[in-house]
Amino acid sequence: MNQKEMNEHHRLLTALSRKHPGSYVAMVGKDILALGKKQFKVLEKAEKKLGKKKDTIGLYYLPGKKKPLYLLKIKSC
């Protein structure tokens, strides 16, 4: 991932953080697979949507406006 892609990814996560503070989001690249308040349920939904594809799921916590974003887990399926 180059610098431009990283900035776009960060902008997307920041926008999601404003709309859904206190939530978890599971993503593959720029694609949002699941969003919710419970991290394990979000990860389960994302794995089901992904099916048998061999992609890496990133699970992020969206804290709110002026707090840092957190990458909680990266899981390869």
C-alpha atoms as a PDB file:
ATOM      1  CA  MET A   1       0.000   0.000   0.000  1.00  0.00           C
ATOM      2  CA  ASN A   2       1.531   3.315  -1.022  1.00  0.00           C
ATOM      3  CA  GLN A   3       1.210   6.673   0.771  1.00  0.00           C
ATOM      4  CA  LYS A   4      -1.734   7.872  -1.340  1.00  0.00           C
ATOM      5  CA  GLU A   5      -3.734   4.696  -0.655  1.00  0.00           C
ATOM      6  CA  MET A   6      -2.928   4.937   3.056  1.00  0.00           C
ATOM      7  CA  ASN A   7      -4.209   8.524   3.188  1.00  0.00           C
ATOM      8  CA  GLU A   8      -7.435   7.574   1.387  1.00  0.00           C
ATOM      9  CA  HIS A   9      -7.919   4.638   3.754  1.00  0.00           C
ATOM     10  CA  HIS A  10      -7.366   6.891   6.771  1.00  0.00           C
ATOM     11  CA  ARG A  11      -9.855   9.478   5.434  1.00  0.00           C
ATOM     12  CA  LEU A  12     -12.466   6.754   4.955  1.00  0.00           C
ATOM     13  CA  LEU A  13     -11.953   5.457   8.494  1.00  0.00           C
ATOM     14  CA  THR A  14     -12.078   8.978   9.918  1.00  0.00           C
ATOM     15  CA  ALA A  15     -15.384   9.659   8.137  1.00  0.00           C
ATOM     16  CA  LEU A  16     -16.801   6.363   9.420  1.00  0.00           C
ATOM     17  CA  SER A  17     -15.627   7.273  12.913  1.00  0.00           C
ATOM     18  CA  ARG A  18     -17.673  10.489  12.792  1.00  0.00           C
ATOM     19  CA  LYS A  19     -20.803   8.659  11.606  1.00  0.00           C
ATOM     20  CA  HIS A  20     -20.465   5.562  13.809  1.00  0.00           C
ATOM     21  CA  PRO A  21     -18.504   6.437  16.984  1.00  0.00           C
ATOM     22  CA  GLY A  22     -17.825   3.514  19.311  1.00  0.00           C
ATOM     23  CA  SER A  23     -18.247   0.920  16.555  1.00  0.00           C
ATOM     24  CA  TYR A  24     -16.089  -1.725  14.937  1.00  0.00           C
ATOM     25  CA  VAL A  25     -15.610  -2.102  11.202  1.00  0.00           C
ATOM     26  CA  ALA A  26     -14.213  -5.055   9.247  1.00  0.00           C
ATOM     27  CA  MET A  27     -12.636  -4.199   5.906  1.00  0.00           C
ATOM     28  CA  VAL A  28     -10.787  -5.773   3.020  1.00  0.00           C
ATOM     29  CA  GLY A  29      -8.953  -2.979   1.246  1.00  0.00           C
ATOM     30  CA  LYS A  30     -11.555  -0.229   0.747  1.00  0.00           C
ATOM     31  CA  ASP A  31     -14.512  -2.614   0.964  1.00  0.00           C
ATOM     32  CA  ILE A  32     -16.519  -2.556   4.184  1.00  0.00           C
ATOM     33  CA  LEU A  33     -17.686  -6.066   5.033  1.00  0.00           C
ATOM     34  CA  ALA A  34     -19.350  -5.481   8.415  1.00  0.00           C
ATOM     35  CA  LEU A  35     -20.043  -2.737  10.933  1.00  0.00           C
ATOM     36  CA  GLY A  36     -21.352  -3.040  14.483  1.00  0.00           C
ATOM     37  CA  LYS A  37     -20.888  -2.545  18.223  1.00  0.00           C
ATOM     38  CA  LYS A  38     -19.505  -6.020  19.092  1.00  0.00           C
ATOM     39  CA  GLN A  39     -16.124  -6.875  17.642  1.00  0.00           C
ATOM     40  CA  PHE A  40     -16.516 -10.661  17.467  1.00  0.00           C
ATOM     41  CA  LYS A  41     -19.916 -10.430  15.754  1.00  0.00           C
ATOM     42  CA  VAL A  42     -18.452  -7.976  13.220  1.00  0.00           C
ATOM     43  CA  LEU A  43     -15.556 -10.332  12.507  1.00  0.00           C
ATOM     44  CA  GLU A  44     -17.931 -13.307  12.140  1.00  0.00           C
ATOM     45  CA  LYS A  45     -20.149 -11.405   9.676  1.00  0.00           C
ATOM     46  CA  ALA A  46     -17.107 -10.346   7.671  1.00  0.00           C
ATOM     47  CA  GLU A  47     -15.797 -13.911   7.462  1.00  0.00           C
ATOM     48  CA  LYS A  48     -19.208 -15.144   6.275  1.00  0.00           C
ATOM     49  CA  LYS A  49     -19.411 -12.432   3.591  1.00  0.00           C
ATOM     50  CA  LEU A  50     -15.879 -13.172   2.435  1.00  0.00           C
ATOM     51  CA  GLY A  51     -16.638 -16.867   2.062  1.00  0.00           C
ATOM     52  CA  LYS A  52     -13.764 -18.963   0.731  1.00  0.00           C
ATOM     53  CA  LYS A  53     -11.764 -16.075  -0.704  1.00  0.00           C
ATOM     54  CA  LYS A  54      -8.199 -15.791   0.558  1.00  0.00           C
ATOM     55  CA  ASP A  55      -8.135 -12.127   1.598  1.00  0.00           C
ATOM     56  CA  THR A  56      -6.939 -10.367   4.725  1.00  0.00           C
ATOM     57  CA  ILE A  57      -9.615  -8.814   6.958  1.00  0.00           C
ATOM     58  CA  GLY A  58      -8.725  -5.712   8.969  1.00  0.00           C
ATOM     59  CA  LEU A  59     -10.795  -5.084  12.108  1.00  0.00           C
ATOM     60  CA  TYR A  60     -10.787  -1.428  13.211  1.00  0.00           C
ATOM     61  CA  TYR A  61     -12.244   0.345  16.231  1.00  0.00           C
ATOM     62  CA  LEU A  62     -13.855   3.713  15.460  1.00  0.00           C
ATOM     63  CA  PRO A  63     -13.591   5.737  18.691  1.00  0.00           C
ATOM     64  CA  GLY A  64     -15.116   9.073  17.685  1.00  0.00           C
ATOM     65  CA  LYS A  65     -14.091  12.520  16.544  1.00  0.00           C
ATOM     66  CA  LYS A  66     -10.823  13.551  18.171  1.00  0.00           C
ATOM     67  CA  LYS A  67      -9.437  10.195  19.270  1.00  0.00           C
ATOM     68  CA  PRO A  68      -6.987   7.981  17.365  1.00  0.00           C
ATOM     69  CA  LEU A  69      -8.136   5.074  15.206  1.00  0.00           C
ATOM     70  CA  TYR A  70      -7.081   1.566  16.214  1.00  0.00           C
ATOM     71  CA  LEU A  71      -6.348  -1.479  14.089  1.00  0.00           C
ATOM     72  CA  LEU A  72      -7.321  -4.341  16.366  1.00  0.00           C
ATOM     73  CA  LYS A  73      -6.662  -7.420  14.302  1.00  0.00           C
ATOM     74  CA  ILE A  74      -5.633  -8.579  10.874  1.00  0.00           C
ATOM     75  CA  LYS A  75      -6.859 -12.044   9.980  1.00  0.00           C
ATOM     76  CA  SER A  76      -6.000 -13.952   6.827  1.00  0.00           C
ATOM     77  CA  CYS A  77      -8.761 -16.213   5.572  1.00  0.00           C
END
